[in-house]
N, C-alpha and C. Protein backbone atom coordinates (compact mmCIF):
# COMPACT_ATOMS: atom_id res chain seq x y z
N MET A 1 102.74 99.22 77.92
CA MET A 1 103.55 98.43 77.03
C MET A 1 104.09 99.29 75.90
N THR A 2 103.32 100.25 75.46
CA THR A 2 103.76 101.08 74.35
C THR A 2 105.03 101.83 74.68
N ALA A 3 105.06 102.52 75.81
CA ALA A 3 106.26 103.26 76.19
C ALA A 3 107.44 102.33 76.38
N LEU A 4 107.19 101.19 77.01
CA LEU A 4 108.26 100.23 77.24
C LEU A 4 108.78 99.68 75.92
N SER A 5 107.89 99.26 75.05
CA SER A 5 108.34 98.65 73.79
C SER A 5 108.98 99.68 72.87
N ASN A 6 108.56 100.94 72.95
CA ASN A 6 109.13 101.96 72.08
C ASN A 6 110.48 102.45 72.57
N SER A 7 110.80 102.26 73.85
CA SER A 7 112.01 102.87 74.36
C SER A 7 113.06 101.87 74.83
N VAL A 8 112.65 100.71 75.29
CA VAL A 8 113.59 99.79 75.91
C VAL A 8 113.87 98.57 75.06
N LEU A 9 112.83 98.02 74.48
CA LEU A 9 112.98 96.77 73.73
C LEU A 9 113.51 97.03 72.33
N PRO A 10 114.36 96.14 71.84
CA PRO A 10 114.88 96.33 70.48
C PRO A 10 113.76 96.15 69.46
N LYS A 11 113.91 96.81 68.34
CA LYS A 11 112.89 96.76 67.30
C LYS A 11 113.22 95.65 66.30
N VAL A 12 113.51 94.46 66.82
CA VAL A 12 113.84 93.33 65.95
C VAL A 12 112.64 92.44 65.68
N LEU A 13 111.56 92.62 66.43
CA LEU A 13 110.37 91.81 66.25
C LEU A 13 109.20 92.72 65.89
N PRO A 14 108.26 92.18 65.11
CA PRO A 14 107.05 92.98 64.85
C PRO A 14 106.25 93.15 66.14
N ALA A 15 105.37 94.14 66.14
CA ALA A 15 104.61 94.48 67.35
C ALA A 15 103.81 93.29 67.87
N TRP A 16 103.19 92.50 67.00
CA TRP A 16 102.39 91.36 67.45
C TRP A 16 103.27 90.34 68.17
N ALA A 17 104.51 90.18 67.71
CA ALA A 17 105.42 89.22 68.35
C ALA A 17 105.86 89.72 69.71
N LEU A 18 106.11 91.03 69.82
CA LEU A 18 106.46 91.60 71.12
C LEU A 18 105.32 91.43 72.11
N ARG A 19 104.07 91.62 71.64
CA ARG A 19 102.91 91.42 72.52
C ARG A 19 102.82 89.97 72.96
N ALA A 20 103.05 89.04 72.05
CA ALA A 20 103.00 87.61 72.40
C ALA A 20 104.07 87.26 73.42
N VAL A 21 105.26 87.80 73.24
CA VAL A 21 106.35 87.56 74.19
C VAL A 21 106.00 88.17 75.55
N ALA A 22 105.42 89.36 75.54
CA ALA A 22 105.03 90.02 76.80
C ALA A 22 103.98 89.20 77.54
N VAL A 23 103.00 88.67 76.83
CA VAL A 23 101.96 87.85 77.46
C VAL A 23 102.57 86.57 78.03
N ALA A 24 103.44 85.93 77.26
CA ALA A 24 104.09 84.70 77.75
C ALA A 24 104.97 85.00 78.96
N ALA A 25 105.69 86.10 78.93
CA ALA A 25 106.54 86.46 80.08
C ALA A 25 105.69 86.79 81.30
N GLY A 26 104.58 87.48 81.09
CA GLY A 26 103.67 87.79 82.20
C GLY A 26 103.10 86.52 82.82
N SER A 27 102.67 85.60 81.98
CA SER A 27 102.14 84.33 82.46
C SER A 27 103.21 83.55 83.24
N ALA A 28 104.43 83.56 82.72
CA ALA A 28 105.53 82.87 83.40
C ALA A 28 105.84 83.52 84.75
N ALA A 29 105.80 84.84 84.82
CA ALA A 29 106.06 85.53 86.08
C ALA A 29 105.01 85.16 87.12
N ILE A 30 103.76 85.06 86.71
CA ILE A 30 102.70 84.66 87.64
C ILE A 30 102.92 83.23 88.10
N ALA A 31 103.29 82.35 87.17
CA ALA A 31 103.53 80.94 87.52
C ALA A 31 104.68 80.80 88.52
N VAL A 32 105.75 81.53 88.31
CA VAL A 32 106.90 81.48 89.22
C VAL A 32 106.49 82.02 90.59
N SER A 33 105.76 83.12 90.60
CA SER A 33 105.36 83.73 91.87
C SER A 33 104.42 82.83 92.67
N ALA A 34 103.67 81.98 91.99
CA ALA A 34 102.77 81.05 92.69
C ALA A 34 103.55 80.04 93.52
N GLN A 35 104.79 79.82 93.17
CA GLN A 35 105.60 78.82 93.89
C GLN A 35 106.26 79.41 95.13
N ILE A 36 106.22 80.72 95.26
CA ILE A 36 106.72 81.37 96.48
C ILE A 36 105.52 81.39 97.42
N ALA A 37 105.39 80.33 98.21
CA ALA A 37 104.15 80.11 98.95
C ALA A 37 104.39 79.68 100.38
N VAL A 38 103.43 80.05 101.21
CA VAL A 38 103.33 79.54 102.57
C VAL A 38 102.05 78.71 102.57
N PRO A 39 102.18 77.40 102.73
CA PRO A 39 100.98 76.57 102.65
C PRO A 39 100.04 76.80 103.83
N THR A 40 98.86 77.29 103.52
CA THR A 40 97.80 77.46 104.50
C THR A 40 96.53 76.90 103.88
N LEU A 41 95.60 76.49 104.70
CA LEU A 41 94.35 75.93 104.19
C LEU A 41 93.19 76.86 104.50
N PRO A 42 92.25 77.02 103.62
CA PRO A 42 92.15 76.38 102.31
C PRO A 42 92.86 77.15 101.21
N VAL A 43 93.40 78.33 101.52
CA VAL A 43 94.02 79.19 100.51
C VAL A 43 95.48 79.42 100.89
N PRO A 44 96.43 79.05 100.01
CA PRO A 44 97.84 79.30 100.33
C PRO A 44 98.19 80.78 100.19
N ILE A 45 99.16 81.22 100.96
CA ILE A 45 99.67 82.59 100.84
C ILE A 45 100.81 82.54 99.82
N THR A 46 100.68 83.29 98.74
CA THR A 46 101.70 83.31 97.69
C THR A 46 102.04 84.75 97.30
N MET A 47 103.04 84.89 96.46
CA MET A 47 103.39 86.19 95.88
C MET A 47 102.64 86.42 94.57
N GLN A 48 101.74 85.49 94.26
CA GLN A 48 101.00 85.51 93.02
C GLN A 48 100.18 86.79 92.83
N SER A 49 99.53 87.24 93.88
CA SER A 49 98.68 88.43 93.74
C SER A 49 99.52 89.64 93.33
N LEU A 50 100.69 89.79 93.91
CA LEU A 50 101.56 90.90 93.53
C LEU A 50 101.98 90.77 92.07
N ALA A 51 102.32 89.57 91.65
CA ALA A 51 102.73 89.37 90.25
C ALA A 51 101.58 89.68 89.29
N VAL A 52 100.38 89.26 89.62
CA VAL A 52 99.22 89.53 88.76
C VAL A 52 99.04 91.03 88.59
N LEU A 53 99.09 91.76 89.70
CA LEU A 53 98.89 93.20 89.65
C LEU A 53 100.05 93.91 88.94
N ALA A 54 101.27 93.46 89.18
CA ALA A 54 102.43 94.05 88.50
C ALA A 54 102.35 93.81 86.99
N VAL A 55 101.95 92.61 86.60
CA VAL A 55 101.80 92.30 85.18
C VAL A 55 100.75 93.23 84.57
N GLY A 56 99.64 93.41 85.26
CA GLY A 56 98.61 94.33 84.77
C GLY A 56 99.14 95.75 84.63
N MET A 57 99.88 96.21 85.63
CA MET A 57 100.41 97.58 85.59
C MET A 57 101.44 97.76 84.48
N VAL A 58 102.28 96.77 84.27
CA VAL A 58 103.34 96.89 83.27
C VAL A 58 102.81 96.69 81.85
N LEU A 59 101.96 95.68 81.67
CA LEU A 59 101.50 95.36 80.32
C LEU A 59 100.25 96.12 79.91
N GLY A 60 99.54 96.70 80.88
CA GLY A 60 98.30 97.38 80.57
C GLY A 60 97.13 96.42 80.69
N PRO A 61 95.92 96.95 80.61
CA PRO A 61 94.74 96.12 80.88
C PRO A 61 94.55 94.97 79.89
N ARG A 62 94.74 95.21 78.61
CA ARG A 62 94.48 94.13 77.63
C ARG A 62 95.53 93.03 77.70
N LEU A 63 96.79 93.39 77.64
CA LEU A 63 97.84 92.36 77.66
C LEU A 63 97.97 91.74 79.05
N GLY A 64 97.71 92.52 80.10
CA GLY A 64 97.72 91.98 81.45
C GLY A 64 96.66 90.89 81.61
N VAL A 65 95.45 91.17 81.13
CA VAL A 65 94.38 90.17 81.17
C VAL A 65 94.75 88.97 80.31
N ALA A 66 95.34 89.20 79.15
CA ALA A 66 95.75 88.08 78.29
C ALA A 66 96.77 87.19 79.00
N ALA A 67 97.71 87.79 79.72
CA ALA A 67 98.71 87.01 80.46
C ALA A 67 98.05 86.18 81.56
N VAL A 68 97.09 86.77 82.26
CA VAL A 68 96.38 86.04 83.32
C VAL A 68 95.55 84.91 82.72
N LEU A 69 94.85 85.19 81.63
CA LEU A 69 94.06 84.13 80.99
C LEU A 69 94.94 82.99 80.50
N ALA A 70 96.11 83.33 79.97
CA ALA A 70 97.05 82.28 79.54
C ALA A 70 97.48 81.45 80.75
N TYR A 71 97.79 82.11 81.84
CA TYR A 71 98.19 81.41 83.07
C TYR A 71 97.07 80.48 83.55
N LEU A 72 95.85 80.98 83.60
CA LEU A 72 94.73 80.15 84.07
C LEU A 72 94.49 78.97 83.13
N ALA A 73 94.60 79.20 81.84
CA ALA A 73 94.43 78.11 80.87
C ALA A 73 95.53 77.06 81.03
N GLU A 74 96.75 77.51 81.28
CA GLU A 74 97.86 76.58 81.50
C GLU A 74 97.57 75.70 82.71
N GLY A 75 97.17 76.32 83.81
CA GLY A 75 96.88 75.56 85.02
C GLY A 75 95.69 74.64 84.86
N ALA A 76 94.64 75.13 84.22
CA ALA A 76 93.43 74.31 84.02
C ALA A 76 93.71 73.11 83.13
N SER A 77 94.68 73.26 82.23
CA SER A 77 95.00 72.16 81.33
C SER A 77 95.92 71.12 81.96
N GLY A 78 96.36 71.38 83.19
CA GLY A 78 97.18 70.40 83.90
C GLY A 78 98.64 70.78 84.06
N LEU A 79 99.07 71.88 83.47
CA LEU A 79 100.46 72.30 83.68
C LEU A 79 100.63 72.71 85.14
N PRO A 80 101.74 72.38 85.76
CA PRO A 80 101.92 72.65 87.20
C PRO A 80 102.32 74.10 87.50
N VAL A 81 101.43 75.03 87.18
CA VAL A 81 101.74 76.45 87.35
C VAL A 81 101.06 77.06 88.58
N PHE A 82 100.08 76.37 89.16
CA PHE A 82 99.42 76.89 90.35
C PHE A 82 100.29 76.60 91.56
N ALA A 83 99.92 77.12 92.72
CA ALA A 83 100.71 76.96 93.94
C ALA A 83 101.05 75.50 94.19
N ASN A 84 102.22 75.28 94.73
CA ASN A 84 102.73 73.93 95.03
C ASN A 84 102.86 73.07 93.78
N PHE A 85 103.21 73.69 92.67
CA PHE A 85 103.41 72.99 91.40
C PHE A 85 102.23 72.10 91.04
N SER A 86 101.04 72.64 91.18
CA SER A 86 99.83 71.89 90.85
C SER A 86 99.15 72.55 89.65
N GLY A 87 98.21 71.84 89.09
CA GLY A 87 97.45 72.37 87.99
C GLY A 87 96.37 71.41 87.55
N THR A 88 95.14 71.79 87.75
CA THR A 88 93.98 71.03 87.26
C THR A 88 92.82 72.00 87.08
N LEU A 89 91.85 71.58 86.32
CA LEU A 89 90.63 72.37 86.16
C LEU A 89 89.91 72.51 87.49
N ALA A 90 90.08 71.52 88.38
CA ALA A 90 89.43 71.55 89.69
C ALA A 90 89.87 72.76 90.52
N HIS A 91 91.05 73.28 90.27
CA HIS A 91 91.49 74.48 90.99
C HIS A 91 90.58 75.67 90.72
N LEU A 92 90.05 75.74 89.51
CA LEU A 92 89.19 76.86 89.15
C LEU A 92 87.76 76.69 89.66
N THR A 93 87.37 75.46 89.94
CA THR A 93 86.02 75.21 90.42
C THR A 93 85.97 74.89 91.90
N GLY A 94 87.13 74.67 92.52
CA GLY A 94 87.20 74.36 93.94
C GLY A 94 87.22 75.61 94.79
N PRO A 95 87.48 75.46 96.08
CA PRO A 95 87.42 76.58 97.02
C PRO A 95 88.30 77.78 96.66
N THR A 96 89.44 77.56 96.03
CA THR A 96 90.32 78.68 95.68
C THR A 96 90.01 79.27 94.31
N GLY A 97 89.02 78.74 93.63
CA GLY A 97 88.70 79.19 92.28
C GLY A 97 88.36 80.67 92.19
N GLY A 98 87.68 81.20 93.18
CA GLY A 98 87.33 82.62 93.16
C GLY A 98 88.55 83.52 93.18
N TYR A 99 89.57 83.11 93.92
CA TYR A 99 90.80 83.90 93.96
C TYR A 99 91.47 83.87 92.58
N LEU A 100 91.56 82.69 92.00
CA LEU A 100 92.19 82.56 90.69
C LEU A 100 91.43 83.36 89.63
N ILE A 101 90.11 83.24 89.61
CA ILE A 101 89.31 83.96 88.63
C ILE A 101 89.40 85.48 88.86
N SER A 102 89.55 85.89 90.12
CA SER A 102 89.64 87.32 90.42
C SER A 102 90.89 87.96 89.82
N PHE A 103 91.86 87.15 89.43
CA PHE A 103 93.07 87.70 88.82
C PHE A 103 92.74 88.46 87.53
N VAL A 104 91.70 88.02 86.82
CA VAL A 104 91.37 88.65 85.54
C VAL A 104 90.93 90.10 85.75
N PRO A 105 89.88 90.37 86.53
CA PRO A 105 89.52 91.78 86.71
C PRO A 105 90.57 92.58 87.49
N ALA A 106 91.32 91.93 88.36
CA ALA A 106 92.35 92.64 89.12
C ALA A 106 93.48 93.11 88.19
N ALA A 107 93.91 92.27 87.26
CA ALA A 107 94.94 92.67 86.30
C ALA A 107 94.43 93.80 85.42
N TRP A 108 93.15 93.70 85.01
CA TRP A 108 92.57 94.77 84.20
C TRP A 108 92.56 96.08 84.99
N LEU A 109 92.09 96.03 86.23
CA LEU A 109 92.02 97.23 87.07
C LEU A 109 93.40 97.86 87.24
N ALA A 110 94.38 97.05 87.57
CA ALA A 110 95.74 97.57 87.77
C ALA A 110 96.27 98.20 86.49
N GLY A 111 96.03 97.54 85.37
CA GLY A 111 96.49 98.08 84.09
C GLY A 111 95.78 99.38 83.73
N ARG A 112 94.50 99.43 83.97
CA ARG A 112 93.72 100.62 83.65
C ARG A 112 94.14 101.80 84.53
N LEU A 113 94.33 101.53 85.82
CA LEU A 113 94.77 102.60 86.72
C LEU A 113 96.17 103.08 86.37
N ALA A 114 97.05 102.15 86.00
CA ALA A 114 98.40 102.55 85.59
C ALA A 114 98.35 103.42 84.34
N GLU A 115 97.50 103.05 83.39
CA GLU A 115 97.34 103.88 82.19
C GLU A 115 96.83 105.28 82.53
N ALA A 116 96.02 105.37 83.58
CA ALA A 116 95.45 106.66 83.99
C ALA A 116 96.42 107.47 84.86
N GLY A 117 97.66 106.99 85.00
CA GLY A 117 98.67 107.74 85.74
C GLY A 117 98.89 107.25 87.16
N TRP A 118 98.21 106.20 87.56
CA TRP A 118 98.37 105.69 88.92
C TRP A 118 99.60 104.79 89.06
N GLY A 119 100.45 104.75 88.07
CA GLY A 119 101.66 103.95 88.15
C GLY A 119 102.88 104.75 88.53
N ARG A 120 102.70 106.04 88.78
CA ARG A 120 103.83 106.92 89.07
C ARG A 120 103.90 107.26 90.55
N GLY A 121 105.13 107.42 91.03
CA GLY A 121 105.34 107.77 92.43
C GLY A 121 105.28 106.54 93.33
N ILE A 122 104.89 106.74 94.57
CA ILE A 122 104.76 105.64 95.53
C ILE A 122 103.30 105.49 95.96
N ALA A 123 102.65 106.59 96.27
CA ALA A 123 101.29 106.53 96.84
C ALA A 123 100.28 105.96 95.86
N ARG A 124 100.29 106.44 94.62
CA ARG A 124 99.29 105.95 93.66
C ARG A 124 99.51 104.49 93.28
N PRO A 125 100.75 104.06 93.02
CA PRO A 125 100.93 102.62 92.78
C PRO A 125 100.53 101.78 93.99
N PHE A 126 100.84 102.27 95.20
CA PHE A 126 100.41 101.54 96.40
C PHE A 126 98.90 101.39 96.42
N MET A 127 98.19 102.48 96.14
CA MET A 127 96.72 102.43 96.12
C MET A 127 96.22 101.50 95.01
N THR A 128 96.86 101.52 93.85
CA THR A 128 96.49 100.62 92.75
C THR A 128 96.62 99.17 93.20
N LEU A 129 97.76 98.85 93.79
CA LEU A 129 97.99 97.48 94.25
C LEU A 129 97.05 97.10 95.38
N ALA A 130 96.82 98.02 96.31
CA ALA A 130 95.91 97.73 97.41
C ALA A 130 94.48 97.50 96.92
N LEU A 131 94.02 98.32 95.98
CA LEU A 131 92.69 98.12 95.42
C LEU A 131 92.59 96.77 94.71
N GLY A 132 93.64 96.40 93.99
CA GLY A 132 93.67 95.09 93.33
C GLY A 132 93.58 93.95 94.34
N HIS A 133 94.31 94.09 95.45
CA HIS A 133 94.25 93.07 96.49
C HIS A 133 92.86 92.99 97.12
N VAL A 134 92.24 94.14 97.35
CA VAL A 134 90.88 94.15 97.91
C VAL A 134 89.93 93.43 96.96
N LEU A 135 90.04 93.70 95.68
CA LEU A 135 89.19 93.03 94.69
C LEU A 135 89.40 91.52 94.73
N MET A 136 90.65 91.09 94.76
CA MET A 136 90.94 89.65 94.81
C MET A 136 90.38 89.00 96.07
N LEU A 137 90.60 89.64 97.21
CA LEU A 137 90.11 89.06 98.47
C LEU A 137 88.58 89.03 98.50
N ALA A 138 87.94 90.07 97.99
CA ALA A 138 86.47 90.10 97.99
C ALA A 138 85.90 89.01 97.09
N MET A 139 86.41 88.90 95.88
CA MET A 139 85.90 87.88 94.97
C MET A 139 86.23 86.48 95.46
N GLY A 140 87.46 86.30 95.93
CA GLY A 140 87.87 84.99 96.42
C GLY A 140 87.05 84.54 97.61
N ALA A 141 86.85 85.44 98.56
CA ALA A 141 86.07 85.08 99.76
C ALA A 141 84.60 84.86 99.43
N ALA A 142 84.07 85.63 98.50
CA ALA A 142 82.67 85.43 98.11
C ALA A 142 82.47 84.03 97.55
N TYR A 143 83.38 83.59 96.70
CA TYR A 143 83.27 82.24 96.14
C TYR A 143 83.57 81.18 97.20
N LEU A 144 84.57 81.41 98.02
CA LEU A 144 84.91 80.48 99.10
C LEU A 144 83.73 80.29 100.04
N SER A 145 82.95 81.35 100.25
CA SER A 145 81.81 81.25 101.17
C SER A 145 80.76 80.26 100.69
N LEU A 146 80.72 79.99 99.40
CA LEU A 146 79.80 78.97 98.88
C LEU A 146 80.16 77.58 99.40
N PHE A 147 81.42 77.39 99.76
CA PHE A 147 81.90 76.10 100.25
C PHE A 147 81.86 76.00 101.77
N ILE A 148 82.17 77.13 102.46
CA ILE A 148 82.33 77.04 103.91
C ILE A 148 81.52 78.07 104.69
N GLY A 149 80.74 78.89 104.03
CA GLY A 149 79.94 79.90 104.71
C GLY A 149 80.68 81.22 104.83
N VAL A 150 79.91 82.29 105.01
CA VAL A 150 80.49 83.64 105.02
C VAL A 150 81.43 83.88 106.20
N PRO A 151 81.01 83.58 107.44
CA PRO A 151 81.93 83.88 108.56
C PRO A 151 83.27 83.15 108.44
N GLU A 152 83.22 81.89 108.07
CA GLU A 152 84.45 81.11 107.93
C GLU A 152 85.29 81.61 106.76
N ALA A 153 84.64 81.98 105.65
CA ALA A 153 85.37 82.49 104.48
C ALA A 153 86.11 83.78 104.84
N LEU A 154 85.48 84.64 105.61
CA LEU A 154 86.15 85.86 106.05
C LEU A 154 87.30 85.54 106.99
N ALA A 155 87.08 84.57 107.88
CA ALA A 155 88.10 84.21 108.88
C ALA A 155 89.32 83.56 108.25
N VAL A 156 89.12 82.70 107.26
CA VAL A 156 90.27 81.99 106.68
C VAL A 156 90.66 82.48 105.29
N GLY A 157 89.78 83.26 104.64
CA GLY A 157 90.05 83.68 103.28
C GLY A 157 90.31 85.16 103.10
N VAL A 158 90.18 85.93 104.19
CA VAL A 158 90.44 87.37 104.09
C VAL A 158 91.39 87.82 105.20
N VAL A 159 90.99 87.64 106.44
CA VAL A 159 91.74 88.16 107.59
C VAL A 159 93.23 87.78 107.55
N PRO A 160 93.58 86.50 107.29
CA PRO A 160 95.02 86.16 107.30
C PRO A 160 95.82 86.82 106.17
N PHE A 161 95.13 87.39 105.19
CA PHE A 161 95.80 87.94 104.02
C PHE A 161 95.91 89.46 104.02
N ILE A 162 95.29 90.11 104.98
CA ILE A 162 95.27 91.58 104.98
C ILE A 162 96.67 92.16 105.16
N ALA A 163 97.37 91.73 106.17
CA ALA A 163 98.72 92.28 106.42
C ALA A 163 99.65 91.99 105.24
N GLY A 164 99.60 90.77 104.72
CA GLY A 164 100.43 90.42 103.57
C GLY A 164 100.11 91.24 102.34
N SER A 165 98.83 91.54 102.15
CA SER A 165 98.43 92.37 101.01
C SER A 165 98.97 93.78 101.14
N VAL A 166 98.97 94.32 102.34
CA VAL A 166 99.52 95.65 102.57
C VAL A 166 101.03 95.64 102.30
N VAL A 167 101.72 94.62 102.82
CA VAL A 167 103.17 94.52 102.62
C VAL A 167 103.49 94.34 101.14
N LYS A 168 102.75 93.47 100.44
CA LYS A 168 103.01 93.25 99.02
C LYS A 168 102.72 94.52 98.22
N SER A 169 101.69 95.27 98.60
CA SER A 169 101.38 96.52 97.90
C SER A 169 102.50 97.54 98.09
N LEU A 170 103.03 97.64 99.29
CA LEU A 170 104.14 98.55 99.56
C LEU A 170 105.40 98.10 98.83
N LEU A 171 105.67 96.80 98.86
CA LEU A 171 106.82 96.24 98.16
C LEU A 171 106.71 96.51 96.66
N GLY A 172 105.54 96.28 96.09
CA GLY A 172 105.35 96.51 94.66
C GLY A 172 105.50 97.97 94.28
N ALA A 173 104.94 98.87 95.09
CA ALA A 173 105.05 100.30 94.81
C ALA A 173 106.50 100.76 94.90
N THR A 174 107.21 100.27 95.89
CA THR A 174 108.62 100.64 96.07
C THR A 174 109.47 100.10 94.93
N ALA A 175 109.25 98.84 94.57
CA ALA A 175 110.00 98.24 93.46
C ALA A 175 109.70 98.96 92.15
N GLY A 176 108.43 99.29 91.95
CA GLY A 176 108.05 100.02 90.73
C GLY A 176 108.74 101.37 90.64
N GLN A 177 108.85 102.05 91.76
CA GLN A 177 109.53 103.34 91.80
C GLN A 177 111.00 103.17 91.45
N ALA A 178 111.64 102.15 91.99
CA ALA A 178 113.06 101.91 91.70
C ALA A 178 113.26 101.58 90.23
N ILE A 179 112.38 100.75 89.68
CA ILE A 179 112.49 100.38 88.26
C ILE A 179 112.27 101.59 87.37
N SER A 180 111.30 102.43 87.71
CA SER A 180 111.02 103.60 86.88
C SER A 180 112.19 104.58 86.88
N ARG A 181 113.03 104.55 87.91
CA ARG A 181 114.22 105.40 87.92
C ARG A 181 115.28 104.85 86.96
N LEU A 182 115.31 103.52 86.81
CA LEU A 182 116.24 102.91 85.86
C LEU A 182 115.79 103.15 84.43
N TRP A 183 114.48 103.03 84.20
CA TRP A 183 113.90 103.20 82.86
C TRP A 183 112.77 104.21 82.95
N PRO A 184 113.09 105.50 82.99
CA PRO A 184 112.04 106.51 83.18
C PRO A 184 110.92 106.43 82.15
N THR A 185 111.23 106.06 80.92
CA THR A 185 110.18 106.00 79.90
C THR A 185 109.26 104.81 80.10
N ALA A 186 109.67 103.80 80.88
CA ALA A 186 108.82 102.63 81.11
C ALA A 186 107.63 103.00 81.99
N ALA A 187 107.74 104.05 82.76
CA ALA A 187 106.63 104.45 83.64
C ALA A 187 105.55 105.19 82.87
N GLY A 188 105.77 105.50 81.65
CA GLY A 188 104.74 106.16 80.87
C GLY A 188 105.14 107.53 80.59
């Protein structure tokens, strides 16, 4: 966020206001991406995981986590920001709750790795995004297994998402590379 705010954004707002806008924009990006969904049970396939990881990489670990926490609070309070324009506290405690909660450490991980230089090029961002997806799938399936058992959680909560996670990781790395060419200082 520092490189981005120092080079691209106008200096018309104080730093705290820019951070607040960044968190709100990150939360909104996650909410929009949740609506790009293929309905599957018990876990829908969405673009949400890519958005969570991209927000973490762009905003860094602290602001990325803040954006995810804002998103989760919005959904838990009833705002229709979760997949299929839904939002209740039950989403966080139901079968998909582990996936939603996993967004917090995944955004932190992506932000931390990006700060460490893993946001440059294609291979390192791909690995950052892939690791984030692995974390989300592991946490989500572990929690899902409490509802349906381990074999079923792996069958319906991990296996159908592996190919999509690879594609989203490649898409994110490629898009990040293109954006960094437009704004070289945004990459750090």
